[in-house]
Protein backbone atom coordinates (compact mmCIF):
# COMPACT_ATOMS: atom_id res chain seq x y z
CA MET A 1 -54.74 -30.48 37.83
CA SER A 2 -51.63 -28.98 39.34
CA HIS A 3 -48.18 -29.54 37.84
CA SER A 4 -44.91 -29.07 39.65
CA VAL A 5 -42.05 -27.69 37.64
CA LEU A 6 -38.63 -28.81 38.71
CA GLU A 7 -35.74 -26.69 37.58
CA PRO A 8 -32.46 -28.50 38.04
CA ASP A 9 -29.42 -26.59 39.10
CA LEU A 10 -27.33 -27.48 36.05
CA LEU A 11 -24.84 -24.68 36.33
CA GLY A 12 -23.58 -23.35 39.59
CA ALA A 13 -22.27 -19.82 39.88
CA ASP A 14 -18.65 -20.98 39.71
CA VAL A 15 -18.85 -23.27 36.69
CA GLY A 16 -16.16 -22.29 34.25
CA ALA A 17 -14.36 -20.18 36.83
CA GLY A 18 -10.70 -20.91 36.77
CA ARG A 19 -10.72 -22.40 33.27
CA TRP A 20 -7.83 -21.11 31.23
CA MET A 21 -6.51 -21.80 27.75
CA VAL A 22 -3.24 -21.75 25.88
CA VAL A 23 -3.31 -20.00 22.51
CA ILE A 24 -0.51 -20.41 19.97
CA TYR A 25 0.26 -18.04 17.12
CA ASN A 26 1.51 -18.83 13.65
CA ASN A 27 5.10 -17.95 12.78
CA GLU A 28 7.47 -18.41 9.90
CA SER A 29 10.30 -19.77 12.08
CA ASN A 30 9.07 -23.21 13.08
CA SER A 31 8.24 -26.10 10.78
CA MET A 32 4.82 -27.67 10.99
CA ASP A 33 6.39 -30.88 12.29
CA GLU A 34 8.18 -28.98 15.07
CA VAL A 35 4.91 -27.43 16.21
CA ILE A 36 3.09 -30.77 16.13
CA GLU A 37 5.85 -32.43 18.17
CA ILE A 38 5.95 -29.71 20.83
CA LEU A 39 2.14 -29.72 21.16
CA ILE A 40 2.24 -33.45 21.84
CA VAL A 41 4.93 -32.98 24.49
CA ALA A 42 3.36 -29.89 26.12
CA THR A 43 -0.29 -30.92 26.16
CA GLY A 44 -0.29 -34.71 26.00
CA CYS A 45 -2.55 -34.71 22.95
CA ASN A 46 -2.22 -37.23 20.15
CA ALA A 47 -0.62 -36.50 16.77
CA GLU A 48 -3.97 -36.05 15.02
CA GLU A 49 -5.16 -33.41 17.48
CA ALA A 50 -1.79 -31.64 17.38
CA ALA A 51 -1.88 -31.55 13.58
CA ILE A 52 -5.38 -30.04 13.62
CA GLU A 53 -4.32 -27.36 16.10
CA MET A 54 -1.16 -26.58 14.12
CA TRP A 55 -3.22 -26.30 10.91
CA GLU A 56 -5.69 -23.96 12.64
CA ALA A 57 -2.87 -21.67 13.83
CA HIS A 58 -1.24 -21.78 10.40
CA THR A 59 -4.52 -21.02 8.60
CA PHE A 60 -6.15 -18.53 10.97
CA GLY A 61 -3.09 -17.04 12.66
CA LYS A 62 -3.82 -18.48 16.09
CA ALA A 63 -5.39 -21.48 17.77
CA PRO A 64 -6.41 -22.58 21.27
CA VAL A 65 -4.43 -25.73 22.05
CA HIS A 66 -5.01 -26.57 25.71
CA PHE A 67 -7.57 -25.90 28.44
CA GLY A 68 -7.31 -26.26 32.21
CA ALA A 69 -6.15 -24.60 35.40
CA LYS A 70 -3.90 -21.56 35.02
CA SER A 71 -0.85 -23.34 36.42
CA VAL A 72 -1.27 -26.21 33.93
CA CYS A 73 -1.70 -23.77 31.05
CA ASP A 74 1.33 -21.74 32.16
CA GLU A 75 3.42 -24.93 32.15
CA ALA A 76 2.20 -25.99 28.69
CA ALA A 77 2.73 -22.48 27.28
CA SER A 78 6.28 -22.42 28.65
CA ILE A 79 7.12 -25.71 26.95
CA ILE A 80 5.63 -24.56 23.63
CA ALA A 81 7.39 -21.19 23.84
CA SER A 82 10.73 -22.94 24.39
CA ILE A 83 10.97 -23.56 20.62
CA GLY A 84 10.03 -19.98 19.72
CA VAL A 85 6.28 -20.30 19.21
CA LYS A 86 4.44 -17.26 20.59
CA THR A 87 1.90 -18.30 23.22
CA GLU A 88 -0.71 -16.64 25.36
CA VAL A 89 -2.48 -17.91 28.48
CA ALA A 90 -5.94 -16.40 28.77
CA ARG A 91 -9.25 -17.11 30.44
CA GLU A 92 -11.40 -19.46 28.44
CA TRP A 93 -14.37 -17.15 28.86
CA ASN A 94 -14.35 -13.44 29.65
CA ASP A 95 -17.02 -13.41 32.36
């Protein structure tokens, strides 16, 4: 008995291409509440998510806080940096 094997094309060659992320870095200048507030404004996340991201940056020194197209990440990073938080916009994956 012959069996056909179907292999779905789950991932095209360009999946993930163009995905960028905003990374924030911990500092001693901004309060935790300031960082939470600016993350909500810059990324549109809720207070719970912003608090988790702030805690991660505080605890580990840095945290990814937003993912999307480069232009969207540049805009979010600019808003976050406006209060003195160091940011970086980088590719989500180094392909």
